[in-house]
C-alpha atoms as a PDB file:
ATOM      1  CA  MET A   1     -20.714 -20.992   1.121  1.00  0.00           C
ATOM      2  CA  TYR A   2     -16.980 -21.412   1.627  1.00  0.00           C
ATOM      3  CA  PRO A   3     -14.466 -20.723  -1.133  1.00  0.00           C
ATOM      4  CA  THR A   4     -12.926 -23.772  -2.734  1.00  0.00           C
ATOM      5  CA  GLY A   5      -9.748 -22.353  -4.261  1.00  0.00           C
ATOM      6  CA  TYR A   6      -6.980 -20.226  -2.827  1.00  0.00           C
ATOM      7  CA  SER A   7      -4.201 -18.483  -4.646  1.00  0.00           C
ATOM      8  CA  SER A   8      -1.695 -15.759  -4.025  1.00  0.00           C
ATOM      9  CA  ARG A   9      -1.400 -13.071  -6.669  1.00  0.00           C
ATOM     10  CA  ALA A  10       1.734 -10.983  -6.803  1.00  0.00           C
ATOM     11  CA  ASN A  11       0.304  -8.150  -8.849  1.00  0.00           C
ATOM     12  CA  VAL A  12      -2.989  -6.337  -8.342  1.00  0.00           C
ATOM     13  CA  GLU A  13      -3.197  -5.236 -11.981  1.00  0.00           C
ATOM     14  CA  GLU A  14      -2.686  -8.830 -13.085  1.00  0.00           C
ATOM     15  CA  ALA A  15      -5.479  -9.968 -10.786  1.00  0.00           C
ATOM     16  CA  GLU A  16      -7.883  -7.224 -11.845  1.00  0.00           C
ATOM     17  CA  GLY A  17     -11.228  -8.738 -12.694  1.00  0.00           C
ATOM     18  CA  PHE A  18      -9.986 -12.271 -12.000  1.00  0.00           C
ATOM     19  CA  GLY A  19     -13.017 -14.430 -11.281  1.00  0.00           C
ATOM     20  CA  LEU A  20     -15.370 -11.522 -10.689  1.00  0.00           C
ATOM     21  CA  GLU A  21     -17.358 -12.036 -13.865  1.00  0.00           C
ATOM     22  CA  GLN A  22     -17.487 -15.807 -13.274  1.00  0.00           C
ATOM     23  CA  SER A  23     -18.959 -15.785  -9.779  1.00  0.00           C
ATOM     24  CA  GLY A  24     -22.723 -15.715  -9.727  1.00  0.00           C
ATOM     25  CA  ALA A  25     -22.912 -15.512  -5.946  1.00  0.00           C
ATOM     26  CA  GLY A  26     -23.738 -11.796  -5.808  1.00  0.00           C
ATOM     27  CA  GLU A  27     -21.397  -8.994  -4.848  1.00  0.00           C
ATOM     28  CA  PRO A  28     -17.792 -10.113  -4.348  1.00  0.00           C
ATOM     29  CA  ARG A  29     -16.334  -9.735  -0.850  1.00  0.00           C
ATOM     30  CA  CYS A  30     -12.814 -10.333   0.296  1.00  0.00           C
ATOM     31  CA  CYS A  31     -10.410  -9.743   3.142  1.00  0.00           C
ATOM     32  CA  TYR A  32      -6.699  -9.910   3.801  1.00  0.00           C
ATOM     33  CA  GLU A  33      -4.539  -9.806   6.869  1.00  0.00           C
ATOM     34  CA  ALA A  34      -2.925  -6.459   7.655  1.00  0.00           C
ATOM     35  CA  SER A  35       0.818  -6.359   7.047  1.00  0.00           C
ATOM     36  CA  SER A  36       3.652  -3.926   6.512  1.00  0.00           C
ATOM     37  CA  CYS A  37       2.777  -3.646   2.810  1.00  0.00           C
ATOM     38  CA  GLY A  38       0.257  -0.896   3.414  1.00  0.00           C
ATOM     39  CA  TYR A  39      -3.222  -0.529   1.982  1.00  0.00           C
ATOM     40  CA  VAL A  40      -2.556  -0.435  -1.775  1.00  0.00           C
ATOM     41  CA  LEU A  41      -4.453  -3.681  -2.366  1.00  0.00           C
ATOM     42  CA  TYR A  42      -7.429  -2.408  -0.342  1.00  0.00           C
ATOM     43  CA  ARG A  43      -7.629   0.803  -2.362  1.00  0.00           C
ATOM     44  CA  SER A  44      -7.290  -1.025  -5.695  1.00  0.00           C
ATOM     45  CA  LEU A  45     -10.079  -3.448  -4.818  1.00  0.00           C
ATOM     46  CA  GLN A  46     -12.315  -0.602  -3.648  1.00  0.00           C
ATOM     47  CA  LYS A  47     -11.821   1.130  -7.026  1.00  0.00           C
ATOM     48  CA  MET A  48     -12.884  -2.099  -8.745  1.00  0.00           C
ATOM     49  CA  GLY A  49     -16.063  -2.152  -6.646  1.00  0.00           C
ATOM     50  CA  VAL A  50     -15.069  -5.098  -4.463  1.00  0.00           C
ATOM     51  CA  ASP A  51     -16.079  -4.959  -0.802  1.00  0.00           C
ATOM     52  CA  CYS A  52     -12.752  -5.510   0.964  1.00  0.00           C
ATOM     53  CA  GLU A  53     -11.785  -5.549   4.630  1.00  0.00           C
ATOM     54  CA  VAL A  54      -8.355  -5.482   6.209  1.00  0.00           C
ATOM     55  CA  ILE A  55      -8.257  -7.871   9.147  1.00  0.00           C
ATOM     56  CA  ALA A  56      -6.281  -7.306  12.339  1.00  0.00           C
ATOM     57  CA  PRO A  57      -3.818 -10.200  12.733  1.00  0.00           C
ATOM     58  CA  GLY A  58      -4.564 -10.406  16.451  1.00  0.00           C
ATOM     59  CA  SER A  59      -8.251 -11.076  15.825  1.00  0.00           C
ATOM     60  CA  MET A  60      -7.605 -14.438  14.154  1.00  0.00           C
ATOM     61  CA  PRO A  61      -8.768 -17.191  16.531  1.00  0.00           C
ATOM     62  CA  ARG A  62      -5.909 -19.613  17.210  1.00  0.00           C
ATOM     63  CA  ARG A  63      -6.091 -23.091  18.678  1.00  0.00           C
ATOM     64  CA  THR A  64      -3.580 -24.034  21.329  1.00  0.00           C
ATOM     65  CA  GLY A  65      -0.798 -26.091  19.823  1.00  0.00           C
ATOM     66  CA  ASP A  66      -1.561 -24.933  16.263  1.00  0.00           C
ATOM     67  CA  ARG A  67       1.908 -23.780  15.233  1.00  0.00           C
ATOM     68  CA  ILE A  68       2.044 -24.784  11.607  1.00  0.00           C
ATOM     69  CA  LYS A  69       1.795 -21.688   9.429  1.00  0.00           C
ATOM     70  CA  THR A  70       1.565 -21.901   5.673  1.00  0.00           C
ATOM     71  CA  ASP A  71       0.016 -19.486   3.191  1.00  0.00           C
ATOM     72  CA  ARG A  72      -2.547 -22.077   2.113  1.00  0.00           C
ATOM     73  CA  ARG A  73      -3.659 -22.861   5.682  1.00  0.00           C
ATOM     74  CA  ASP A  74      -3.763 -19.189   6.633  1.00  0.00           C
ATOM     75  CA  ALA A  75      -5.825 -18.321   3.534  1.00  0.00           C
ATOM     76  CA  LYS A  76      -8.284 -21.129   4.231  1.00  0.00           C
ATOM     77  CA  LYS A  77      -8.740 -20.131   7.874  1.00  0.00           C
ATOM     78  CA  LEU A  78      -9.046 -16.458   6.928  1.00  0.00           C
ATOM     79  CA  ALA A  79     -11.744 -17.243   4.361  1.00  0.00           C
ATOM     80  CA  GLU A  80     -13.688 -19.503   6.731  1.00  0.00           C
ATOM     81  CA  TYR A  81     -13.577 -17.070   9.651  1.00  0.00           C
ATOM     82  CA  PHE A  82     -14.464 -14.155   7.361  1.00  0.00           C
ATOM     83  CA  ALA A  83     -17.487 -16.008   5.966  1.00  0.00           C
ATOM     84  CA  ALA A  84     -18.610 -16.813   9.511  1.00  0.00           C
ATOM     85  CA  GLY A  85     -18.182 -13.175  10.632  1.00  0.00           C
ATOM     86  CA  LEU A  86     -15.604 -13.972  13.335  1.00  0.00           C
ATOM     87  CA  LEU A  87     -12.958 -11.412  12.330  1.00  0.00           C
ATOM     88  CA  THR A  88     -12.389  -7.782  13.298  1.00  0.00           C
ATOM     89  CA  ALA A  89     -11.609  -5.258  10.575  1.00  0.00           C
ATOM     90  CA  CYS A  90      -8.824  -2.676  11.013  1.00  0.00           C
ATOM     91  CA  PHE A  91      -9.110   1.044  10.516  1.00  0.00           C
ATOM     92  CA  VAL A  92      -7.859   1.880   7.018  1.00  0.00           C
ATOM     93  CA  PRO A  93      -6.318   5.363   6.854  1.00  0.00           C
ATOM     94  CA  ASP A  94      -6.581   7.514   3.756  1.00  0.00           C
ATOM     95  CA  GLN A  95      -3.445   8.075   1.659  1.00  0.00           C
ATOM     96  CA  GLN A  96      -2.543  11.371   3.323  1.00  0.00           C
ATOM     97  CA  TRP A  97      -2.791   9.878   6.817  1.00  0.00           C
ATOM     98  CA  GLU A  98      -0.771   6.818   5.764  1.00  0.00           C
ATOM     99  CA  SER A  99       1.952   9.050   4.260  1.00  0.00           C
ATOM    100  CA  ALA A 100       2.199  11.058   7.475  1.00  0.00           C
ATOM    101  CA  ARG A 101       2.391   7.857   9.520  1.00  0.00           C
ATOM    102  CA  ASN A 102       5.183   6.523   7.277  1.00  0.00           C
ATOM    103  CA  LEU A 103       7.111   9.798   7.621  1.00  0.00           C
ATOM    104  CA  VAL A 104       6.912   9.675  11.424  1.00  0.00           C
ATOM    105  CA  ARG A 105       8.022   6.024  11.470  1.00  0.00           C
ATOM    106  CA  SER A 106      10.901   6.742   9.087  1.00  0.00           C
ATOM    107  CA  ARG A 107      12.101   9.605  11.269  1.00  0.00           C
ATOM    108  CA  ALA A 108      11.939   7.418  14.390  1.00  0.00           C
ATOM    109  CA  ASP A 109      13.957   4.725  12.591  1.00  0.00           C
ATOM    110  CA  LEU A 110      16.556   7.293  11.516  1.00  0.00           C
ATOM    111  CA  VAL A 111      16.907   8.691  15.026  1.00  0.00           C
ATOM    112  CA  ALA A 112      17.339   5.155  16.407  1.00  0.00           C
ATOM    113  CA  GLU A 113      19.944   4.426  13.716  1.00  0.00           C
ATOM    114  CA  LEU A 114      21.893   7.593  14.550  1.00  0.00           C
ATOM    115  CA  HIS A 115      22.204   6.483  18.161  1.00  0.00           C
ATOM    116  CA  ARG A 116      24.009   3.289  17.157  1.00  0.00           C
ATOM    117  CA  PRO A 117      27.834   3.412  17.367  1.00  0.00           C
ATOM    118  CA  ASN A 118      28.406   2.414  13.719  1.00  0.00           C
ATOM    119  CA  ALA A 119      26.190   5.209  12.421  1.00  0.00           C
ATOM    120  CA  ARG A 120      28.165   7.817  14.345  1.00  0.00           C
ATOM    121  CA  SER A 121      31.387   6.911  12.596  1.00  0.00           C
ATOM    122  CA  ILE A 122      29.628   6.953   9.210  1.00  0.00           C
ATOM    123  CA  CYS A 123      27.928  10.311   9.800  1.00  0.00           C
ATOM    124  CA  SER A 124      30.981  12.026  11.283  1.00  0.00           C
ATOM    125  CA  GLY A 125      33.325  10.955   8.477  1.00  0.00           C
ATOM    126  CA  PRO A 126      34.299  13.100   5.485  1.00  0.00           C
ATOM    127  CA  GLY A 127      31.275  15.069   4.344  1.00  0.00           C
ATOM    128  CA  GLY A 128      29.101  13.684   7.139  1.00  0.00           C
ATOM    129  CA  MET A 129      27.152  15.968   9.412  1.00  0.00           C
ATOM    130  CA  TYR A 130      26.615  14.131  12.695  1.00  0.00           C
ATOM    131  CA  ARG A 131      24.964  16.211  15.342  1.00  0.00           C
ATOM    132  CA  LYS A 132      23.990  14.758  18.712  1.00  0.00           C
ATOM    133  CA  ILE A 133      20.201  14.850  19.063  1.00  0.00           C
END
């Protein structure tokens, strides 16, 4: 059974319980494509008792020449492939692991920023503490 409607919800709290009591098809299942937004949606859905998977973007089968990307088309393909079992789920880290990963990435970004010429003049100005790393 393929879903018939697709929507994008901006707020998890707003979407809480949306359609779950109306569906008589058994336990609700869902998936979404991994992005830079983290795993907040995954954790919220798990707390609500919804079986959720985060899908690796690279595991989406693509046809050659299929270059049109819209949210509606992507959602439809994601739902169809998920129902058919053709997608690969990502590893979802716990909150502590995700925080550590974000800290390491932030530090790497800061170090890269400090090596840019504009950042040196900003950091070595009045009150700045630029130190070559």
